[in-house]
């Protein structure tokens, strides 16, 4: 993201898609979905990309009209990790365990730690 104190100039979004992948590592199987495996048939990459971009644009326009709260509500409604998921968070030097508790207004995960209290 490139921003000034009162204005965001641009944001770069990265999205990874696993489409028609046949060989999958054990680790990837544990943390990702694969469109061909989920639907039981190969997917047309271009059609999938068009649908993805249309949804992205729709969500972006909703954000412009209704603000960040609408994006957070949508994410929390479709995410299996947004609330009630046991997680371990590592920041390079420390590690914390807890349960996800939604998103804060800035889009960061909130979670409740084993020792009580909440963090972002």
PDB file of N, CA and C in Angstrom:
ATOM      1  N   UNK A   1       0.845  -1.166   0.000  1.00  0.00           N
ATOM      2  CA  UNK A   1       0.000   0.000   0.000  1.00  0.00           C
ATOM      3  C   UNK A   1       0.894   1.233   0.000  1.00  0.00           C
ATOM      4  N   UNK A   2       0.455   2.240  -0.727  1.00  0.00           N
ATOM      5  CA  UNK A   2       1.138   3.528  -0.725  1.00  0.00           C
ATOM      6  C   UNK A   2       0.102   4.559  -0.288  1.00  0.00           C
ATOM      7  N   UNK A   3       0.378   5.255   0.829  1.00  0.00           N
ATOM      8  CA  UNK A   3      -0.621   6.168   1.361  1.00  0.00           C
ATOM      9  C   UNK A   3       0.018   7.395   1.992  1.00  0.00           C
ATOM     10  N   UNK A   4      -0.768   8.434   2.037  1.00  0.00           N
ATOM     11  CA  UNK A   4      -0.455   9.646   2.774  1.00  0.00           C
ATOM     12  C   UNK A   4      -1.269   9.577   4.064  1.00  0.00           C
ATOM     13  N   UNK A   5      -1.037  10.463   5.020  1.00  0.00           N
ATOM     14  CA  UNK A   5      -1.798  10.397   6.275  1.00  0.00           C
ATOM     15  C   UNK A   5      -3.320  10.414   6.097  1.00  0.00           C
ATOM     16  N   UNK A   6      -3.818  11.092   5.078  1.00  0.00           N
ATOM     17  CA  UNK A   6      -5.272  11.178   4.907  1.00  0.00           C
ATOM     18  C   UNK A   6      -5.775  10.637   3.566  1.00  0.00           C
ATOM     19  N   UNK A   7      -4.919   9.925   2.825  1.00  0.00           N
ATOM     20  CA  UNK A   7      -5.332   9.427   1.517  1.00  0.00           C
ATOM     21  C   UNK A   7      -4.537   8.190   1.116  1.00  0.00           C
ATOM     22  N   UNK A   8      -5.248   7.132   0.720  1.00  0.00           N
ATOM     23  CA  UNK A   8      -4.598   5.948   0.165  1.00  0.00           C
ATOM     24  C   UNK A   8      -4.440   6.182  -1.327  1.00  0.00           C
ATOM     25  N   UNK A   9      -3.211   6.083  -1.820  1.00  0.00           N
ATOM     26  CA  UNK A   9      -2.962   6.305  -3.249  1.00  0.00           C
ATOM     27  C   UNK A   9      -3.206   5.028  -4.061  1.00  0.00           C
ATOM     28  N   UNK A  10      -2.720   3.889  -3.590  1.00  0.00           N
ATOM     29  CA  UNK A  10      -3.010   2.618  -4.243  1.00  0.00           C
ATOM     30  C   UNK A  10      -2.688   1.470  -3.298  1.00  0.00           C
ATOM     31  N   UNK A  11      -3.311   0.335  -3.591  1.00  0.00           N
ATOM     32  CA  UNK A  11      -3.100  -0.896  -2.837  1.00  0.00           C
ATOM     33  C   UNK A  11      -2.865  -2.003  -3.852  1.00  0.00           C
ATOM     34  N   UNK A  12      -1.900  -2.853  -3.598  1.00  0.00           N
ATOM     35  CA  UNK A  12      -1.648  -4.005  -4.455  1.00  0.00           C
ATOM     36  C   UNK A  12      -2.204  -5.238  -3.749  1.00  0.00           C
ATOM     37  N   UNK A  13      -3.043  -5.995  -4.448  1.00  0.00           N
ATOM     38  CA  UNK A  13      -3.684  -7.174  -3.884  1.00  0.00           C
ATOM     39  C   UNK A  13      -3.127  -8.410  -4.574  1.00  0.00           C
ATOM     40  N   UNK A  14      -2.728  -9.399  -3.803  1.00  0.00           N
ATOM     41  CA  UNK A  14      -2.249 -10.657  -4.362  1.00  0.00           C
ATOM     42  C   UNK A  14      -3.237 -11.766  -4.064  1.00  0.00           C
ATOM     43  N   UNK A  15      -3.598 -12.522  -5.084  1.00  0.00           N
ATOM     44  CA  UNK A  15      -4.544 -13.620  -4.931  1.00  0.00           C
ATOM     45  C   UNK A  15      -3.934 -14.854  -5.576  1.00  0.00           C
ATOM     46  N   UNK A  16      -3.919 -15.954  -4.854  1.00  0.00           N
ATOM     47  CA  UNK A  16      -3.416 -17.209  -5.415  1.00  0.00           C
ATOM     48  C   UNK A  16      -4.561 -18.171  -5.664  1.00  0.00           C
ATOM     49  N   UNK A  17      -4.600 -18.757  -6.833  1.00  0.00           N
ATOM     50  CA  UNK A  17      -5.649 -19.721  -7.187  1.00  0.00           C
ATOM     51  C   UNK A  17      -5.025 -21.048  -7.585  1.00  0.00           C
ATOM     52  N   UNK A  18      -5.580 -22.113  -7.085  1.00  0.00           N
ATOM     53  CA  UNK A  18      -5.163 -23.458  -7.475  1.00  0.00           C
ATOM     54  C   UNK A  18      -6.237 -24.009  -8.410  1.00  0.00           C
ATOM     55  N   UNK A  19      -5.943 -23.983  -9.705  1.00  0.00           N
ATOM     56  CA  UNK A  19      -6.922 -24.384 -10.707  1.00  0.00           C
ATOM     57  C   UNK A  19      -6.396 -25.602 -11.458  1.00  0.00           C
ATOM     58  N   UNK A  20      -7.178 -26.659 -11.507  1.00  0.00           N
ATOM     59  CA  UNK A  20      -6.866 -27.873 -12.263  1.00  0.00           C
ATOM     60  C   UNK A  20      -5.532 -28.498 -11.877  1.00  0.00           C
ATOM     61  N   UNK A  21      -5.099 -28.266 -10.671  1.00  0.00           N
ATOM     62  CA  UNK A  21      -3.841 -28.838 -10.203  1.00  0.00           C
ATOM     63  C   UNK A  21      -4.087 -30.283  -9.776  1.00  0.00           C
ATOM     64  N   UNK A  22      -3.313 -31.222 -10.320  1.00  0.00           N
ATOM     65  CA  UNK A  22      -3.521 -32.630 -10.013  1.00  0.00           C
ATOM     66  C   UNK A  22      -2.632 -33.117  -8.886  1.00  0.00           C
ATOM     67  N   UNK A  23      -1.366 -32.725  -8.891  1.00  0.00           N
ATOM     68  CA  UNK A  23      -0.444 -33.139  -7.843  1.00  0.00           C
ATOM     69  C   UNK A  23      -0.344 -32.026  -6.818  1.00  0.00           C
ATOM     70  N   UNK A  24      -0.624 -32.377  -5.565  1.00  0.00           N
ATOM     71  CA  UNK A  24      -0.681 -31.381  -4.512  1.00  0.00           C
ATOM     72  C   UNK A  24       0.117 -31.873  -3.316  1.00  0.00           C
ATOM     73  N   UNK A  25       0.934 -30.998  -2.757  1.00  0.00           N
ATOM     74  CA  UNK A  25       1.706 -31.382  -1.577  1.00  0.00           C
ATOM     75  C   UNK A  25       0.782 -31.586  -0.382  1.00  0.00           C
ATOM     76  N   UNK A  26       1.232 -32.347   0.589  1.00  0.00           N
ATOM     77  CA  UNK A  26       0.436 -32.600   1.799  1.00  0.00           C
ATOM     78  C   UNK A  26       0.108 -31.285   2.504  1.00  0.00           C
ATOM     79  N   UNK A  27       1.090 -30.385   2.589  1.00  0.00           N
ATOM     80  CA  UNK A  27       0.867 -29.104   3.272  1.00  0.00           C
ATOM     81  C   UNK A  27      -0.192 -28.291   2.544  1.00  0.00           C
ATOM     82  N   UNK A  28      -0.134 -28.244   1.215  1.00  0.00           N
ATOM     83  CA  UNK A  28      -1.123 -27.482   0.456  1.00  0.00           C
ATOM     84  C   UNK A  28      -2.520 -28.057   0.642  1.00  0.00           C
ATOM     85  N   UNK A  29      -2.630 -29.351   0.752  1.00  0.00           N
ATOM     86  CA  UNK A  29      -3.936 -29.986   0.966  1.00  0.00           C
ATOM     87  C   UNK A  29      -4.554 -29.547   2.286  1.00  0.00           C
ATOM     88  N   UNK A  30      -3.710 -29.283   3.279  1.00  0.00           N
ATOM     89  CA  UNK A  30      -4.208 -28.920   4.595  1.00  0.00           C
ATOM     90  C   UNK A  30      -4.687 -27.476   4.660  1.00  0.00           C
ATOM     91  N   UNK A  31      -4.172 -26.605   3.801  1.00  0.00           N
ATOM     92  CA  UNK A  31      -4.508 -25.185   3.960  1.00  0.00           C
ATOM     93  C   UNK A  31      -5.154 -24.567   2.731  1.00  0.00           C
ATOM     94  N   UNK A  32      -5.364 -25.299   1.662  1.00  0.00           N
ATOM     95  CA  UNK A  32      -5.921 -24.688   0.466  1.00  0.00           C
ATOM     96  C   UNK A  32      -7.032 -25.507  -0.148  1.00  0.00           C
ATOM     97  N   UNK A  33      -7.820 -24.866  -0.961  1.00  0.00           N
ATOM     98  CA  UNK A  33      -8.843 -25.532  -1.747  1.00  0.00           C
ATOM     99  C   UNK A  33      -8.404 -25.518  -3.199  1.00  0.00           C
ATOM    100  N   UNK A  34      -8.834 -26.512  -3.920  1.00  0.00           N
ATOM    101  CA  UNK A  34      -8.466 -26.650  -5.317  1.00  0.00           C
ATOM    102  C   UNK A  34      -9.750 -26.787  -6.124  1.00  0.00           C
ATOM    103  N   UNK A  35      -9.964 -25.863  -7.057  1.00  0.00           N
ATOM    104  CA  UNK A  35     -11.253 -25.776  -7.730  1.00  0.00           C
ATOM    105  C   UNK A  35     -11.671 -27.078  -8.407  1.00  0.00           C
ATOM    106  N   UNK A  36     -10.771 -27.751  -9.092  1.00  0.00           N
ATOM    107  CA  UNK A  36     -11.140 -28.993  -9.764  1.00  0.00           C
ATOM    108  C   UNK A  36     -11.539 -30.066  -8.753  1.00  0.00           C
ATOM    109  N   UNK A  37     -10.825 -30.140  -7.644  1.00  0.00           N
ATOM    110  CA  UNK A  37     -11.134 -31.133  -6.622  1.00  0.00           C
ATOM    111  C   UNK A  37     -12.474 -30.820  -5.953  1.00  0.00           C
ATOM    112  N   UNK A  38     -12.730 -29.537  -5.696  1.00  0.00           N
ATOM    113  CA  UNK A  38     -13.965 -29.140  -5.031  1.00  0.00           C
ATOM    114  C   UNK A  38     -15.189 -29.364  -5.903  1.00  0.00           C
ATOM    115  N   UNK A  39     -15.068 -29.127  -7.211  1.00  0.00           N
ATOM    116  CA  UNK A  39     -16.224 -29.247  -8.107  1.00  0.00           C
ATOM    117  C   UNK A  39     -16.316 -30.606  -8.779  1.00  0.00           C
ATOM    118  N   UNK A  40     -15.219 -31.365  -8.753  1.00  0.00           N
ATOM    119  CA  UNK A  40     -15.210 -32.674  -9.385  1.00  0.00           C
ATOM    120  C   UNK A  40     -14.991 -32.637 -10.884  1.00  0.00           C
ATOM    121  N   UNK A  41     -14.653 -31.478 -11.426  1.00  0.00           N
ATOM    122  CA  UNK A  41     -14.402 -31.387 -12.870  1.00  0.00           C
ATOM    123  C   UNK A  41     -13.401 -30.269 -13.137  1.00  0.00           C
ATOM    124  N   UNK A  42     -12.665 -30.362 -14.257  1.00  0.00           N
ATOM    125  CA  UNK A  42     -11.710 -29.304 -14.606  1.00  0.00           C
ATOM    126  C   UNK A  42     -12.425 -27.968 -14.799  1.00  0.00           C
ATOM    127  N   UNK A  43     -11.730 -26.887 -14.497  1.00  0.00           N
ATOM    128  CA  UNK A  43     -12.294 -25.546 -14.604  1.00  0.00           C
ATOM    129  C   UNK A  43     -11.661 -24.787 -15.763  1.00  0.00           C
ATOM    130  N   UNK A  44     -12.450 -23.981 -16.436  1.00  0.00           N
ATOM    131  CA  UNK A  44     -11.939 -23.109 -17.488  1.00  0.00           C
ATOM    132  C   UNK A  44     -11.311 -21.894 -16.801  1.00  0.00           C
ATOM    133  N   UNK A  45     -10.001 -21.766 -16.926  1.00  0.00           N
ATOM    134  CA  UNK A  45      -9.285 -20.705 -16.211  1.00  0.00           C
ATOM    135  C   UNK A  45      -9.796 -19.302 -16.534  1.00  0.00           C
ATOM    136  N   UNK A  46     -10.049 -19.020 -17.803  1.00  0.00           N
ATOM    137  CA  UNK A  46     -10.499 -17.684 -18.190  1.00  0.00           C
ATOM    138  C   UNK A  46     -11.861 -17.373 -17.578  1.00  0.00           C
ATOM    139  N   UNK A  47     -12.784 -18.346 -17.586  1.00  0.00           N
ATOM    140  CA  UNK A  47     -14.103 -18.117 -16.987  1.00  0.00           C
ATOM    141  C   UNK A  47     -13.987 -17.882 -15.482  1.00  0.00           C
ATOM    142  N   UNK A  48     -13.112 -18.639 -14.843  1.00  0.00           N
ATOM    143  CA  UNK A  48     -12.891 -18.470 -13.412  1.00  0.00           C
ATOM    144  C   UNK A  48     -12.318 -17.081 -13.119  1.00  0.00           C
ATOM    145  N   UNK A  49     -11.373 -16.639 -13.920  1.00  0.00           N
ATOM    146  CA  UNK A  49     -10.781 -15.318 -13.743  1.00  0.00           C
ATOM    147  C   UNK A  49     -11.821 -14.214 -13.933  1.00  0.00           C
ATOM    148  N   UNK A  50     -12.663 -14.349 -14.944  1.00  0.00           N
ATOM    149  CA  UNK A  50     -13.708 -13.352 -15.187  1.00  0.00           C
ATOM    150  C   UNK A  50     -14.656 -13.282 -13.994  1.00  0.00           C
ATOM    151  N   UNK A  51     -15.086 -14.435 -13.468  1.00  0.00           N
ATOM    152  CA  UNK A  51     -15.975 -14.448 -12.291  1.00  0.00           C
ATOM    153  C   UNK A  51     -15.294 -13.819 -11.086  1.00  0.00           C
ATOM    154  N   UNK A  52     -14.016 -14.144 -10.879  1.00  0.00           N
ATOM    155  CA  UNK A  52     -13.270 -13.594  -9.753  1.00  0.00           C
ATOM    156  C   UNK A  52     -13.197 -12.072  -9.843  1.00  0.00           C
ATOM    157  N   UNK A  53     -12.849 -11.558 -11.019  1.00  0.00           N
ATOM    158  CA  UNK A  53     -12.721 -10.105 -11.186  1.00  0.00           C
ATOM    159  C   UNK A  53     -14.062  -9.393 -11.042  1.00  0.00           C
ATOM    160  N   UNK A  54     -15.132 -10.017 -11.509  1.00  0.00           N
ATOM    161  CA  UNK A  54     -16.461  -9.410 -11.328  1.00  0.00           C
ATOM    162  C   UNK A  54     -16.821  -9.330  -9.845  1.00  0.00           C
ATOM    163  N   UNK A  55     -16.565 -10.397  -9.107  1.00  0.00           N
ATOM    164  CA  UNK A  55     -16.836 -10.395  -7.665  1.00  0.00           C
ATOM    165  C   UNK A  55     -15.961  -9.366  -6.958  1.00  0.00           C
ATOM    166  N   UNK A  56     -14.692  -9.307  -7.338  1.00  0.00           N
ATOM    167  CA  UNK A  56     -13.777  -8.337  -6.739  1.00  0.00           C
ATOM    168  C   UNK A  56     -14.286  -6.918  -6.978  1.00  0.00           C
ATOM    169  N   UNK A  57     -14.685  -6.634  -8.216  1.00  0.00           N
ATOM    170  CA  UNK A  57     -15.191  -5.302  -8.537  1.00  0.00           C
ATOM    171  C   UNK A  57     -16.467  -4.990  -7.763  1.00  0.00           C
ATOM    172  N   UNK A  58     -17.348  -5.966  -7.643  1.00  0.00           N
ATOM    173  CA  UNK A  58     -18.584  -5.780  -6.880  1.00  0.00           C
ATOM    174  C   UNK A  58     -18.275  -5.467  -5.418  1.00  0.00           C
ATOM    175  N   UNK A  59     -17.353  -6.222  -4.830  1.00  0.00           N
ATOM    176  CA  UNK A  59     -16.964  -5.974  -3.439  1.00  0.00           C
ATOM    177  C   UNK A  59     -16.289  -4.614  -3.292  1.00  0.00           C
ATOM    178  N   UNK A  60     -15.463  -4.251  -4.252  1.00  0.00           N
ATOM    179  CA  UNK A  60     -14.786  -2.951  -4.205  1.00  0.00           C
ATOM    180  C   UNK A  60     -15.803  -1.808  -4.293  1.00  0.00           C
ATOM    181  N   UNK A  61     -16.773  -1.935  -5.179  1.00  0.00           N
ATOM    182  CA  UNK A  61     -17.807  -0.907  -5.297  1.00  0.00           C
ATOM    183  C   UNK A  61     -18.644  -0.811  -4.024  1.00  0.00           C
ATOM    184  N   UNK A  62     -18.925  -1.957  -3.389  1.00  0.00           N
ATOM    185  CA  UNK A  62     -19.633  -1.954  -2.110  1.00  0.00           C
ATOM    186  C   UNK A  62     -18.808  -1.205  -1.063  1.00  0.00           C
ATOM    187  N   UNK A  63     -17.502  -1.450  -1.060  1.00  0.00           N
ATOM    188  CA  UNK A  63     -16.610  -0.740  -0.143  1.00  0.00           C
ATOM    189  C   UNK A  63     -16.684   0.770  -0.369  1.00  0.00           C
ATOM    190  N   UNK A  64     -16.669   1.205  -1.635  1.00  0.00           N
ATOM    191  CA  UNK A  64     -16.733   2.637  -1.930  1.00  0.00           C
ATOM    192  C   UNK A  64     -18.064   3.245  -1.484  1.00  0.00           C
ATOM    193  N   UNK A  65     -19.165   2.495  -1.653  1.00  0.00           N
ATOM    194  CA  UNK A  65     -20.489   3.000  -1.281  1.00  0.00           C
ATOM    195  C   UNK A  65     -20.738   2.956   0.226  1.00  0.00           C
ATOM    196  N   UNK A  66     -20.367   1.816   0.858  1.00  0.00           N
ATOM    197  CA  UNK A  66     -20.797   1.558   2.232  1.00  0.00           C
ATOM    198  C   UNK A  66     -19.679   1.618   3.264  1.00  0.00           C
ATOM    199  N   UNK A  67     -18.425   1.653   2.804  1.00  0.00           N
ATOM    200  CA  UNK A  67     -17.309   1.733   3.731  1.00  0.00           C
ATOM    201  C   UNK A  67     -16.768   0.378   4.152  1.00  0.00           C
ATOM    202  N   UNK A  68     -15.753   0.425   4.984  1.00  0.00           N
ATOM    203  CA  UNK A  68     -15.011  -0.771   5.370  1.00  0.00           C
ATOM    204  C   UNK A  68     -15.856  -1.761   6.170  1.00  0.00           C
ATOM    205  N   UNK A  69     -16.827  -1.288   6.937  1.00  0.00           N
ATOM    206  CA  UNK A  69     -17.648  -2.194   7.752  1.00  0.00           C
ATOM    207  C   UNK A  69     -18.358  -3.235   6.889  1.00  0.00           C
ATOM    208  N   UNK A  70     -18.781  -2.854   5.682  1.00  0.00           N
ATOM    209  CA  UNK A  70     -19.467  -3.796   4.801  1.00  0.00           C
ATOM    210  C   UNK A  70     -18.521  -4.893   4.317  1.00  0.00           C
ATOM    211  N   UNK A  71     -17.266  -4.535   4.073  1.00  0.00           N
ATOM    212  CA  UNK A  71     -16.270  -5.516   3.631  1.00  0.00           C
ATOM    213  C   UNK A  71     -15.956  -6.488   4.766  1.00  0.00           C
ATOM    214  N   UNK A  72     -15.794  -5.960   5.962  1.00  0.00           N
ATOM    215  CA  UNK A  72     -15.510  -6.805   7.125  1.00  0.00           C
ATOM    216  C   UNK A  72     -16.675  -7.757   7.386  1.00  0.00           C
ATOM    217  N   UNK A  73     -17.896  -7.262   7.319  1.00  0.00           N
ATOM    218  CA  UNK A  73     -19.066  -8.115   7.535  1.00  0.00           C
ATOM    219  C   UNK A  73     -19.132  -9.223   6.493  1.00  0.00           C
ATOM    220  N   UNK A  74     -18.857  -8.892   5.241  1.00  0.00           N
ATOM    221  CA  UNK A  74     -18.883  -9.912   4.169  1.00  0.00           C
ATOM    222  C   UNK A  74     -17.804 -10.960   4.404  1.00  0.00           C
ATOM    223  N   UNK A  75     -16.591 -10.514   4.723  1.00  0.00           N
ATOM    224  CA  UNK A  75     -15.505 -11.455   4.976  1.00  0.00           C
ATOM    225  C   UNK A  75     -15.849 -12.388   6.126  1.00  0.00           C
ATOM    226  N   UNK A  76     -16.342 -11.822   7.208  1.00  0.00           N
ATOM    227  CA  UNK A  76     -16.670 -12.646   8.377  1.00  0.00           C
ATOM    228  C   UNK A  76     -17.784 -13.642   8.076  1.00  0.00           C
ATOM    229  N   UNK A  77     -18.683 -13.293   7.157  1.00  0.00           N
ATOM    230  CA  UNK A  77     -19.792 -14.195   6.836  1.00  0.00           C
ATOM    231  C   UNK A  77     -19.370 -15.374   5.963  1.00  0.00           C
ATOM    232  N   UNK A  78     -18.285 -15.229   5.195  1.00  0.00           N
ATOM    233  CA  UNK A  78     -17.879 -16.310   4.293  1.00  0.00           C
ATOM    234  C   UNK A  78     -16.594 -17.011   4.724  1.00  0.00           C
ATOM    235  N   UNK A  79     -15.882 -16.474   5.695  1.00  0.00           N
ATOM    236  CA  UNK A  79     -14.599 -17.054   6.107  1.00  0.00           C
ATOM    237  C   UNK A  79     -14.785 -18.124   7.176  1.00  0.00           C
ATOM    238  N   UNK A  80     -14.108 -19.229   6.990  1.00  0.00           N
ATOM    239  CA  UNK A  80     -14.131 -20.273   8.019  1.00  0.00           C
ATOM    240  C   UNK A  80     -13.124 -19.974   9.134  1.00  0.00           C
ATOM    241  N   UNK A  81     -12.295 -18.947   8.960  1.00  0.00           N
ATOM    242  CA  UNK A  81     -11.281 -18.599   9.963  1.00  0.00           C
ATOM    243  C   UNK A  81     -11.617 -17.329  10.742  1.00  0.00           C
ATOM    244  N   UNK A  82     -12.617 -16.571  10.350  1.00  0.00           N
ATOM    245  CA  UNK A  82     -12.854 -15.266  10.956  1.00  0.00           C
ATOM    246  C   UNK A  82     -13.204 -15.332  12.431  1.00  0.00           C
ATOM    247  N   UNK A  83     -13.998 -16.298  12.829  1.00  0.00           N
ATOM    248  CA  UNK A  83     -14.433 -16.377  14.224  1.00  0.00           C
ATOM    249  C   UNK A  83     -14.415 -17.816  14.714  1.00  0.00           C
ATOM    250  N   UNK A  84     -13.901 -17.985  15.927  1.00  0.00           N
ATOM    251  CA  UNK A  84     -13.973 -19.277  16.591  1.00  0.00           C
ATOM    252  C   UNK A  84     -12.977 -20.326  16.132  1.00  0.00           C
ATOM    253  N   UNK A  85     -11.939 -19.938  15.414  1.00  0.00           N
ATOM    254  CA  UNK A  85     -10.942 -20.892  14.918  1.00  0.00           C
ATOM    255  C   UNK A  85      -9.697 -20.836  15.796  1.00  0.00           C
ATOM    256  N   UNK A  86      -9.224 -21.978  16.255  1.00  0.00           N
ATOM    257  CA  UNK A  86      -7.995 -22.042  17.051  1.00  0.00           C
ATOM    258  C   UNK A  86      -6.816 -21.764  16.130  1.00  0.00           C
ATOM    259  N   UNK A  87      -5.958 -20.829  16.522  1.00  0.00           N
ATOM    260  CA  UNK A  87      -4.804 -20.451  15.706  1.00  0.00           C
ATOM    261  C   UNK A  87      -3.563 -20.272  16.566  1.00  0.00           C
ATOM    262  N   UNK A  88      -2.412 -20.344  15.919  1.00  0.00           N
ATOM    263  CA  UNK A  88      -1.142 -19.990  16.537  1.00  0.00           C
ATOM    264  C   UNK A  88      -0.542 -18.891  15.671  1.00  0.00           C
ATOM    265  N   UNK A  89      -0.200 -17.774  16.299  1.00  0.00           N
ATOM    266  CA  UNK A  89       0.351 -16.621  15.594  1.00  0.00           C
ATOM    267  C   UNK A  89       1.805 -16.454  16.006  1.00  0.00           C
ATOM    268  N   UNK A  90       2.690 -16.368  15.014  1.00  0.00           N
ATOM    269  CA  UNK A  90       4.114 -16.178  15.284  1.00  0.00           C
ATOM    270  C   UNK A  90       4.571 -14.912  14.581  1.00  0.00           C
ATOM    271  N   UNK A  91       5.271 -14.049  15.314  1.00  0.00           N
ATOM    272  CA  UNK A  91       5.739 -12.802  14.714  1.00  0.00           C
ATOM    273  C   UNK A  91       7.249 -12.807  14.461  1.00  0.00           C
ATOM    274  N   UNK A  92       7.861 -13.954  14.519  1.00  0.00           N
ATOM    275  CA  UNK A  92       9.302 -14.062  14.289  1.00  0.00           C
ATOM    276  C   UNK A  92      10.068 -14.325  15.564  1.00  0.00           C
ATOM    277  N   UNK A  93       9.635 -13.716  16.661  1.00  0.00           N
ATOM    278  CA  UNK A  93      10.325 -13.926  17.937  1.00  0.00           C
ATOM    279  C   UNK A  93       9.409 -14.501  19.009  1.00  0.00           C
ATOM    280  N   UNK A  94       8.108 -14.264  18.876  1.00  0.00           N
ATOM    281  CA  UNK A  94       7.152 -14.744  19.859  1.00  0.00           C
ATOM    282  C   UNK A  94       6.054 -15.530  19.171  1.00  0.00           C
ATOM    283  N   UNK A  95       5.428 -16.417  19.929  1.00  0.00           N
ATOM    284  CA  UNK A  95       4.340 -17.214  19.404  1.00  0.00           C
ATOM    285  C   UNK A  95       3.179 -17.159  20.385  1.00  0.00           C
ATOM    286  N   UNK A  96       1.973 -16.991  19.866  1.00  0.00           N
ATOM    287  CA  UNK A  96       0.781 -16.898  20.683  1.00  0.00           C
ATOM    288  C   UNK A  96      -0.256 -17.880  20.174  1.00  0.00           C
ATOM    289  N   UNK A  97      -1.043 -18.444  21.071  1.00  0.00           N
ATOM    290  CA  UNK A  97      -2.146 -19.322  20.694  1.00  0.00           C
ATOM    291  C   UNK A  97      -3.438 -18.695  21.171  1.00  0.00           C
ATOM    292  N   UNK A  98      -4.494 -18.893  20.415  1.00  0.00           N
ATOM    293  CA  UNK A  98      -5.777 -18.346  20.807  1.00  0.00           C
ATOM    294  C   UNK A  98      -6.864 -18.713  19.820  1.00  0.00           C
ATOM    295  N   UNK A  99      -7.956 -17.980  19.880  1.00  0.00           N
ATOM    296  CA  UNK A  99      -9.121 -18.231  19.039  1.00  0.00           C
ATOM    297  C   UNK A  99      -9.478 -16.946  18.297  1.00  0.00           C
ATOM    298  N   UNK A 100      -9.707 -17.048  16.991  1.00  0.00           N
ATOM    299  CA  UNK A 100     -10.035 -15.861  16.202  1.00  0.00           C
ATOM    300  C   UNK A 100     -11.365 -15.273  16.670  1.00  0.00           C
ATOM    301  N   UNK A 101     -11.442 -13.932  16.632  1.00  0.00           N
ATOM    302  CA  UNK A 101     -12.617 -13.216  17.137  1.00  0.00           C
ATOM    303  C   UNK A 101     -13.053 -12.115  16.169  1.00  0.00           C
ATOM    304  N   UNK A 102     -13.010 -12.399  14.870  1.00  0.00           N
ATOM    305  CA  UNK A 102     -13.440 -11.425  13.877  1.00  0.00           C
ATOM    306  C   UNK A 102     -12.310 -10.529  13.410  1.00  0.00           C
ATOM    307  N   UNK A 103     -12.686  -9.443  12.750  1.00  0.00           N
ATOM    308  CA  UNK A 103     -11.724  -8.472  12.233  1.00  0.00           C
ATOM    309  C   UNK A 103     -11.960  -7.124  12.890  1.00  0.00           C
ATOM    310  N   UNK A 104     -10.876  -6.398  13.098  1.00  0.00           N
ATOM    311  CA  UNK A 104     -10.984  -5.031  13.591  1.00  0.00           C
ATOM    312  C   UNK A 104     -11.319  -4.094  12.450  1.00  0.00           C
ATOM    313  N   UNK A 105     -11.602  -2.826  12.731  1.00  0.00           N
ATOM    314  CA  UNK A 105     -11.991  -1.870  11.688  1.00  0.00           C
ATOM    315  C   UNK A 105     -10.901  -1.615  10.649  1.00  0.00           C
ATOM    316  N   UNK A 106      -9.628  -1.928  10.986  1.00  0.00           N
ATOM    317  CA  UNK A 106      -8.536  -1.763  10.030  1.00  0.00           C
ATOM    318  C   UNK A 106      -8.295  -3.034   9.220  1.00  0.00           C
ATOM    319  N   UNK A 107      -9.069  -4.095   9.468  1.00  0.00           N
ATOM    320  CA  UNK A 107      -8.964  -5.335   8.713  1.00  0.00           C
ATOM    321  C   UNK A 107      -8.055  -6.383   9.326  1.00  0.00           C
ATOM    322  N   UNK A 108      -7.459  -6.104  10.469  1.00  0.00           N
ATOM    323  CA  UNK A 108      -6.585  -7.073  11.140  1.00  0.00           C
ATOM    324  C   UNK A 108      -7.423  -8.078  11.929  1.00  0.00           C
ATOM    325  N   UNK A 109      -6.933  -9.333  11.962  1.00  0.00           N
ATOM    326  CA  UNK A 109      -7.604 -10.342  12.779  1.00  0.00           C
ATOM    327  C   UNK A 109      -7.568  -9.944  14.241  1.00  0.00           C
ATOM    328  N   UNK A 110      -8.684 -10.155  14.925  1.00  0.00           N
ATOM    329  CA  UNK A 110      -8.728 -10.044  16.372  1.00  0.00           C
ATOM    330  C   UNK A 110      -8.758 -11.481  16.889  1.00  0.00           C
ATOM    331  N   UNK A 111      -8.142 -11.695  18.016  1.00  0.00           N
ATOM    332  CA  UNK A 111      -8.183 -13.030  18.593  1.00  0.00           C
ATOM    333  C   UNK A 111      -8.025 -12.940  20.094  1.00  0.00           C
ATOM    334  N   UNK A 112      -8.568 -13.952  20.755  1.00  0.00           N
ATOM    335  CA  UNK A 112      -8.496 -14.041  22.198  1.00  0.00           C
ATOM    336  C   UNK A 112      -7.441 -15.056  22.564  1.00  0.00           C
ATOM    337  N   UNK A 113      -6.490 -14.648  23.407  1.00  0.00           N
ATOM    338  CA  UNK A 113      -5.411 -15.535  23.804  1.00  0.00           C
ATOM    339  C   UNK A 113      -5.792 -16.468  24.939  1.00  0.00           C
ATOM    340  N   UNK A 114      -4.974 -17.492  25.144  1.00  0.00           N
ATOM    341  CA  UNK A 114      -5.219 -18.464  26.216  1.00  0.00           C
ATOM    342  C   UNK A 114      -5.240 -17.801  27.585  1.00  0.00           C
ATOM    343  N   UNK A 115      -4.431 -16.763  27.750  1.00  0.00           N
ATOM    344  CA  UNK A 115      -4.323 -16.124  29.052  1.00  0.00           C
ATOM    345  C   UNK A 115      -5.344 -15.003  29.235  1.00  0.00           C
ATOM    346  N   UNK A 116      -6.261 -14.862  28.306  1.00  0.00           N
ATOM    347  CA  UNK A 116      -7.281 -13.829  28.416  1.00  0.00           C
ATOM    348  C   UNK A 116      -6.928 -12.596  27.612  1.00  0.00           C
ATOM    349  N   UNK A 117      -7.868 -11.682  27.540  1.00  0.00           N
ATOM    350  CA  UNK A 117      -7.652 -10.465  26.777  1.00  0.00           C
ATOM    351  C   UNK A 117      -7.751 -10.735  25.283  1.00  0.00           C
ATOM    352  N   UNK A 118      -7.603  -9.676  24.516  1.00  0.00           N
ATOM    353  CA  UNK A 118      -7.644  -9.840  23.061  1.00  0.00           C
ATOM    354  C   UNK A 118      -6.480  -9.107  22.440  1.00  0.00           C
ATOM    355  N   UNK A 119      -6.140  -9.521  21.206  1.00  0.00           N
ATOM    356  CA  UNK A 119      -5.012  -8.932  20.479  1.00  0.00           C
ATOM    357  C   UNK A 119      -5.412  -8.723  19.040  1.00  0.00           C
ATOM    358  N   UNK A 120      -4.618  -7.906  18.361  1.00  0.00           N
ATOM    359  CA  UNK A 120      -4.783  -7.707  16.912  1.00  0.00           C
ATOM    360  C   UNK A 120      -3.477  -7.936  16.252  1.00  0.00           C
TER     361      UNK A 120
END
